[in-house]
Amino acid sequence: MIQVSEKAKDRIFSLLKEEGKDESYNVRVSVKGGGCSGLMYDLGFDNARNDNDQVFEDNGIKILIDKRSILYLAGTTLDFTDGLNGKGFQFINPNASRTCGCGESFAV
């Protein structure tokens, strides 16, 4: 469902350690309305599963996605960049017809 790059995996484990969380925490990815392109990604840590969650695992990272967000995220790769143009998580989403300049919102 969602692939996790090696850089993203390393950064996720680093953030877990910085925040005092153990590896039992999952990464929750969802899509919400908003942003300059209409839809926004939401990313965070969560150790609770909801009834409508689907659980996926890639590269040692467990990912929780609610059923509504799955439609927008199929085939997406979660990456992490720390280059000159910015630092942060990046969603490479083949379903997005356009994205904003900051990469945090998209349209389908």
Protein backbone atom coordinates (compact mmCIF):
# COMPACT_ATOMS: atom_id res chain seq x y z
CA MET A 1 0.00 0.00 0.00
CA ILE A 2 2.55 2.59 1.15
CA GLN A 3 6.25 2.06 0.67
CA VAL A 4 8.73 3.55 3.13
CA SER A 5 12.14 4.61 1.83
CA GLU A 6 15.30 3.85 3.77
CA LYS A 7 15.75 7.56 4.64
CA ALA A 8 12.16 7.81 5.91
CA LYS A 9 12.60 4.66 8.00
CA ASP A 10 15.79 6.01 9.59
CA ARG A 11 14.12 9.35 10.37
CA ILE A 12 11.03 7.68 11.85
CA PHE A 13 13.15 5.57 14.22
CA SER A 14 15.18 8.67 15.13
CA LEU A 15 11.99 10.64 15.92
CA LEU A 16 10.60 7.80 18.02
CA LYS A 17 13.77 7.84 20.10
CA GLU A 18 13.77 11.66 20.40
CA GLU A 19 10.14 11.64 21.56
CA GLY A 20 10.73 8.84 24.08
CA LYS A 21 8.48 6.40 22.27
CA ASP A 22 9.35 2.77 21.68
CA GLU A 23 9.05 0.83 18.46
CA SER A 24 5.57 -0.40 19.39
CA TYR A 25 4.23 2.90 18.04
CA ASN A 26 2.85 2.92 14.52
CA VAL A 27 2.93 5.67 11.93
CA ARG A 28 -0.56 6.98 11.20
CA VAL A 29 -1.03 8.42 7.71
CA SER A 30 -4.27 10.07 6.66
CA VAL A 31 -5.68 12.51 4.15
CA LYS A 32 -7.74 15.51 5.25
CA GLY A 33 -9.44 18.32 3.41
CA GLY A 34 -7.49 21.58 3.28
CA GLY A 35 -4.32 23.12 1.98
CA CYS A 36 -3.89 25.14 -1.18
CA SER A 37 -4.58 22.13 -3.44
CA GLY A 38 -7.63 20.76 -1.63
CA LEU A 39 -6.26 17.74 0.29
CA MET A 40 -3.53 17.50 2.91
CA TYR A 41 -1.42 14.66 4.27
CA ASP A 42 -1.41 14.06 8.02
CA LEU A 43 1.42 12.08 9.58
CA GLY A 44 1.99 11.15 13.21
CA PHE A 45 2.69 8.42 15.75
CA ASP A 46 -0.12 6.36 17.25
CA ASN A 47 -0.19 3.23 19.39
CA ALA A 48 -3.95 2.65 19.15
CA ARG A 49 -5.83 1.04 16.27
CA ASN A 50 -9.31 2.18 15.28
CA ASP A 51 -11.94 -0.19 13.92
CA ASN A 52 -11.72 1.39 10.45
CA ASP A 53 -7.90 1.21 10.22
CA GLN A 54 -5.97 -0.91 7.78
CA VAL A 55 -2.46 -1.91 8.88
CA PHE A 56 0.41 -2.16 6.43
CA GLU A 57 4.09 -2.80 7.00
CA ASP A 58 7.04 -1.86 4.83
CA ASN A 59 10.73 -1.64 5.60
CA GLY A 60 10.08 -2.43 9.28
CA ILE A 61 7.54 0.39 9.73
CA LYS A 62 3.92 -0.37 10.64
CA ILE A 63 1.51 2.09 9.06
CA LEU A 64 -2.10 2.74 10.08
CA ILE A 65 -4.43 4.18 7.43
CA ASP A 66 -8.16 4.80 7.80
CA LYS A 67 -10.33 3.30 5.07
CA ARG A 68 -11.24 6.67 3.53
CA SER A 69 -7.61 7.71 3.13
CA ILE A 70 -6.60 4.44 1.44
CA LEU A 71 -8.30 5.60 -1.77
CA TYR A 72 -5.93 8.56 -2.00
CA LEU A 73 -2.75 6.83 -0.84
CA ALA A 74 -2.57 3.63 -2.90
CA GLY A 75 0.93 3.24 -4.34
CA THR A 76 2.41 6.17 -2.39
CA THR A 77 6.02 6.20 -1.22
CA LEU A 78 6.94 7.98 2.02
CA ASP A 79 10.39 9.51 1.72
CA PHE A 80 12.50 11.92 3.77
CA THR A 81 14.59 14.68 2.28
CA ASP A 82 17.16 16.86 3.96
CA GLY A 83 18.47 18.78 0.98
CA LEU A 84 18.97 22.47 0.33
CA ASN A 85 15.36 22.94 -0.80
CA GLY A 86 13.96 21.84 2.54
CA LYS A 87 13.88 19.16 5.12
CA GLY A 88 11.01 16.84 5.92
CA PHE A 89 8.86 13.91 4.94
CA GLN A 90 7.74 13.78 1.35
CA PHE A 91 4.85 11.84 -0.16
CA ILE A 92 5.44 10.56 -3.69
CA ASN A 93 1.84 9.92 -4.69
CA PRO A 94 1.03 8.59 -8.18
CA ASN A 95 -2.65 9.47 -7.60
CA ALA A 96 -2.00 13.21 -7.23
CA SER A 97 -2.87 15.23 -10.32
CA ARG A 98 -1.24 18.35 -8.84
CA THR A 99 0.65 19.30 -5.69
CA CYS A 100 1.40 22.61 -4.05
CA GLY A 101 4.88 24.08 -3.86
CA CYS A 102 5.45 22.95 -0.28
CA GLY A 103 4.39 19.36 -1.07
CA GLU A 104 1.97 19.17 1.85
CA SER A 105 -1.23 19.35 -0.16
CA PHE A 106 -2.45 17.76 -3.37
CA ALA A 107 -5.43 17.21 -5.66
CA VAL A 108 -6.66 14.09 -7.44
